[in-house]
Amino acid sequence: MKKLIAIVLLVLMGVTLTACATNKSTAPDYSSAAKFEQALNNHTDVTGKTVEFTVNEYITGGFLPYNIHAGDHLNFGSNLKPKEDIKVGQTLEVKVLGASGSGGIWIINYTDLKVVEK
């Protein structure tokens, strides 16, 4: 009976440690809007990269139905309403699907938006 309890405890500890290991967050590829905007201005391919930024303004119903403005010239745009309640000053992280720019103004398509707790 003691051996059975010991085996069950070892299995539970292994499952717990595995769950903790898989929940580790990774650092974003770009930790600020400024670093991300610099990469865009340098013509760096940012597709598939993650970027963390602070919301300067959240605009709905414009050219981009849901536009999260960050940095100097970044517009994280989507046709789909974010599941999260977006607020000015909030820190967000997204995965970049693509970016296009004209005149130094960037429109970034994204996925996997999440609020970063600081």
C-alpha atoms as a PDB file:
ATOM      1  CA  MET A   1       0.000   0.000   0.000  1.00  0.00           C
ATOM      2  CA  LYS A   2       2.859   2.404   0.838  1.00  0.00           C
ATOM      3  CA  LYS A   3       4.449   1.697  -2.545  1.00  0.00           C
ATOM      4  CA  LEU A   4       1.187   2.507  -4.315  1.00  0.00           C
ATOM      5  CA  ILE A   5       0.859   5.809  -2.462  1.00  0.00           C
ATOM      6  CA  ALA A   6       4.491   6.653  -3.262  1.00  0.00           C
ATOM      7  CA  ILE A   7       3.930   5.920  -6.978  1.00  0.00           C
ATOM      8  CA  VAL A   8       0.753   8.021  -7.090  1.00  0.00           C
ATOM      9  CA  LEU A   9       2.560  10.921  -5.374  1.00  0.00           C
ATOM     10  CA  LEU A  10       5.467  10.708  -7.838  1.00  0.00           C
ATOM     11  CA  VAL A  11       3.076  10.731 -10.795  1.00  0.00           C
ATOM     12  CA  LEU A  12       1.199  13.735  -9.384  1.00  0.00           C
ATOM     13  CA  MET A  13       4.462  15.610  -8.780  1.00  0.00           C
ATOM     14  CA  GLY A  14       5.563  14.880 -12.350  1.00  0.00           C
ATOM     15  CA  VAL A  15       2.271  16.155 -13.771  1.00  0.00           C
ATOM     16  CA  THR A  16       2.463  19.294 -11.633  1.00  0.00           C
ATOM     17  CA  LEU A  17       6.038  20.055 -12.684  1.00  0.00           C
ATOM     18  CA  THR A  18       5.180  19.490 -16.339  1.00  0.00           C
ATOM     19  CA  ALA A  19       2.210  21.849 -16.098  1.00  0.00           C
ATOM     20  CA  CYS A  20       4.380  24.530 -14.507  1.00  0.00           C
ATOM     21  CA  ALA A  21       7.015  24.178 -17.205  1.00  0.00           C
ATOM     22  CA  THR A  22       4.504  24.586 -20.028  1.00  0.00           C
ATOM     23  CA  ASN A  23       2.993  27.741 -18.490  1.00  0.00           C
ATOM     24  CA  LYS A  24       6.241  29.710 -18.616  1.00  0.00           C
ATOM     25  CA  SER A  25       5.815  32.852 -20.631  1.00  0.00           C
ATOM     26  CA  THR A  26       8.438  33.815 -23.128  1.00  0.00           C
ATOM     27  CA  ALA A  27       9.747  37.293 -23.702  1.00  0.00           C
ATOM     28  CA  PRO A  28       8.319  39.085 -26.726  1.00  0.00           C
ATOM     29  CA  ASP A  29      10.544  39.572 -29.776  1.00  0.00           C
ATOM     30  CA  TYR A  30       9.987  43.337 -29.424  1.00  0.00           C
ATOM     31  CA  SER A  31       9.490  44.639 -25.880  1.00  0.00           C
ATOM     32  CA  SER A  32       8.305  48.121 -26.858  1.00  0.00           C
ATOM     33  CA  ALA A  33       6.539  50.011 -29.620  1.00  0.00           C
ATOM     34  CA  ALA A  34       9.713  52.033 -30.253  1.00  0.00           C
ATOM     35  CA  LYS A  35      11.851  48.929 -30.863  1.00  0.00           C
ATOM     36  CA  PHE A  36       9.166  47.439 -33.097  1.00  0.00           C
ATOM     37  CA  GLU A  37       8.745  50.658 -35.079  1.00  0.00           C
ATOM     38  CA  GLN A  38      12.514  50.884 -35.542  1.00  0.00           C
ATOM     39  CA  ALA A  39      12.533  47.341 -36.964  1.00  0.00           C
ATOM     40  CA  LEU A  40       9.724  48.261 -39.367  1.00  0.00           C
ATOM     41  CA  ASN A  41      11.544  51.419 -40.472  1.00  0.00           C
ATOM     42  CA  ASN A  42      14.665  49.291 -41.082  1.00  0.00           C
ATOM     43  CA  HIS A  43      12.601  46.978 -43.349  1.00  0.00           C
ATOM     44  CA  THR A  44      12.964  44.005 -40.990  1.00  0.00           C
ATOM     45  CA  ASP A  45      10.563  41.121 -41.657  1.00  0.00           C
ATOM     46  CA  VAL A  46       8.428  41.056 -38.523  1.00  0.00           C
ATOM     47  CA  THR A  47       5.929  38.414 -39.651  1.00  0.00           C
ATOM     48  CA  GLY A  48       5.379  35.871 -36.880  1.00  0.00           C
ATOM     49  CA  LYS A  49       7.155  37.991 -34.277  1.00  0.00           C
ATOM     50  CA  THR A  50       5.584  39.060 -30.987  1.00  0.00           C
ATOM     51  CA  VAL A  51       5.479  42.656 -29.865  1.00  0.00           C
ATOM     52  CA  GLU A  52       4.573  44.187 -26.518  1.00  0.00           C
ATOM     53  CA  PHE A  53       3.295  47.763 -26.477  1.00  0.00           C
ATOM     54  CA  THR A  54       1.308  50.301 -24.507  1.00  0.00           C
ATOM     55  CA  VAL A  55      -2.043  51.489 -25.863  1.00  0.00           C
ATOM     56  CA  ASN A  56      -1.993  55.222 -26.700  1.00  0.00           C
ATOM     57  CA  GLU A  57      -5.492  55.295 -28.175  1.00  0.00           C
ATOM     58  CA  TYR A  58      -8.230  52.822 -29.075  1.00  0.00           C
ATOM     59  CA  ILE A  59     -10.418  53.841 -31.997  1.00  0.00           C
ATOM     60  CA  THR A  60     -13.491  51.991 -33.219  1.00  0.00           C
ATOM     61  CA  GLY A  61     -15.553  52.564 -36.337  1.00  0.00           C
ATOM     62  CA  GLY A  62     -12.837  54.238 -38.417  1.00  0.00           C
ATOM     63  CA  PHE A  63     -10.913  53.135 -41.495  1.00  0.00           C
ATOM     64  CA  LEU A  64      -9.756  50.186 -39.422  1.00  0.00           C
ATOM     65  CA  PRO A  65     -12.872  49.018 -37.546  1.00  0.00           C
ATOM     66  CA  TYR A  66     -10.784  48.302 -34.441  1.00  0.00           C
ATOM     67  CA  ASN A  67      -7.557  50.303 -34.306  1.00  0.00           C
ATOM     68  CA  ILE A  68      -5.129  50.175 -31.401  1.00  0.00           C
ATOM     69  CA  HIS A  69      -2.684  53.063 -31.723  1.00  0.00           C
ATOM     70  CA  ALA A  70       0.758  52.678 -30.146  1.00  0.00           C
ATOM     71  CA  GLY A  71       4.159  54.288 -30.408  1.00  0.00           C
ATOM     72  CA  ASP A  72       4.524  57.216 -32.784  1.00  0.00           C
ATOM     73  CA  HIS A  73       3.033  55.712 -35.950  1.00  0.00           C
ATOM     74  CA  LEU A  74       1.767  52.198 -35.192  1.00  0.00           C
ATOM     75  CA  ASN A  75      -1.811  51.151 -35.883  1.00  0.00           C
ATOM     76  CA  PHE A  76      -2.659  47.607 -34.832  1.00  0.00           C
ATOM     77  CA  GLY A  77      -5.769  47.117 -36.936  1.00  0.00           C
ATOM     78  CA  SER A  78      -8.415  44.438 -37.115  1.00  0.00           C
ATOM     79  CA  ASN A  79     -11.836  43.876 -38.595  1.00  0.00           C
ATOM     80  CA  LEU A  80     -12.698  41.737 -35.556  1.00  0.00           C
ATOM     81  CA  LYS A  81     -13.497  43.225 -32.174  1.00  0.00           C
ATOM     82  CA  PRO A  82     -10.891  42.154 -29.605  1.00  0.00           C
ATOM     83  CA  LYS A  83     -12.191  39.808 -26.910  1.00  0.00           C
ATOM     84  CA  GLU A  84     -10.402  41.887 -24.298  1.00  0.00           C
ATOM     85  CA  ASP A  85     -11.618  45.274 -23.096  1.00  0.00           C
ATOM     86  CA  ILE A  86      -8.931  47.588 -24.518  1.00  0.00           C
ATOM     87  CA  LYS A  87      -7.984  50.612 -22.390  1.00  0.00           C
ATOM     88  CA  VAL A  88      -5.539  53.480 -22.884  1.00  0.00           C
ATOM     89  CA  GLY A  89      -2.350  52.857 -20.893  1.00  0.00           C
ATOM     90  CA  GLN A  90      -2.800  49.095 -20.950  1.00  0.00           C
ATOM     91  CA  THR A  91       0.093  46.872 -22.034  1.00  0.00           C
ATOM     92  CA  LEU A  92      -0.742  44.363 -24.766  1.00  0.00           C
ATOM     93  CA  GLU A  93       1.109  41.657 -26.633  1.00  0.00           C
ATOM     94  CA  VAL A  94       0.278  40.466 -30.145  1.00  0.00           C
ATOM     95  CA  LYS A  95       1.680  38.152 -32.777  1.00  0.00           C
ATOM     96  CA  VAL A  96       2.273  39.982 -36.054  1.00  0.00           C
ATOM     97  CA  LEU A  97       0.636  38.576 -39.192  1.00  0.00           C
ATOM     98  CA  GLY A  98       1.937  41.346 -41.427  1.00  0.00           C
ATOM     99  CA  ALA A  99       2.698  45.045 -41.631  1.00  0.00           C
ATOM    100  CA  SER A 100       2.419  47.650 -44.336  1.00  0.00           C
ATOM    101  CA  GLY A 101       3.443  51.251 -44.256  1.00  0.00           C
ATOM    102  CA  SER A 102       3.299  54.490 -46.150  1.00  0.00           C
ATOM    103  CA  GLY A 103       4.805  57.810 -45.151  1.00  0.00           C
ATOM    104  CA  GLY A 104       6.115  56.333 -41.903  1.00  0.00           C
ATOM    105  CA  ILE A 105       2.675  55.234 -40.732  1.00  0.00           C
ATOM    106  CA  TRP A 106       2.337  51.500 -40.139  1.00  0.00           C
ATOM    107  CA  ILE A 107      -0.724  49.274 -40.210  1.00  0.00           C
ATOM    108  CA  ILE A 108      -0.119  45.983 -38.458  1.00  0.00           C
ATOM    109  CA  ASN A 109      -2.353  42.935 -38.792  1.00  0.00           C
ATOM    110  CA  TYR A 110      -2.123  40.741 -35.738  1.00  0.00           C
ATOM    111  CA  THR A 111      -3.438  37.706 -33.913  1.00  0.00           C
ATOM    112  CA  ASP A 112      -3.221  36.305 -30.385  1.00  0.00           C
ATOM    113  CA  LEU A 113      -3.858  39.605 -28.583  1.00  0.00           C
ATOM    114  CA  LYS A 114      -3.393  39.318 -24.844  1.00  0.00           C
ATOM    115  CA  VAL A 115      -3.255  41.732 -21.944  1.00  0.00           C
ATOM    116  CA  VAL A 116       0.105  41.771 -20.177  1.00  0.00           C
ATOM    117  CA  GLU A 117      -0.120  42.013 -16.395  1.00  0.00           C
ATOM    118  CA  LYS A 118       2.675  44.138 -14.974  1.00  0.00           C
END
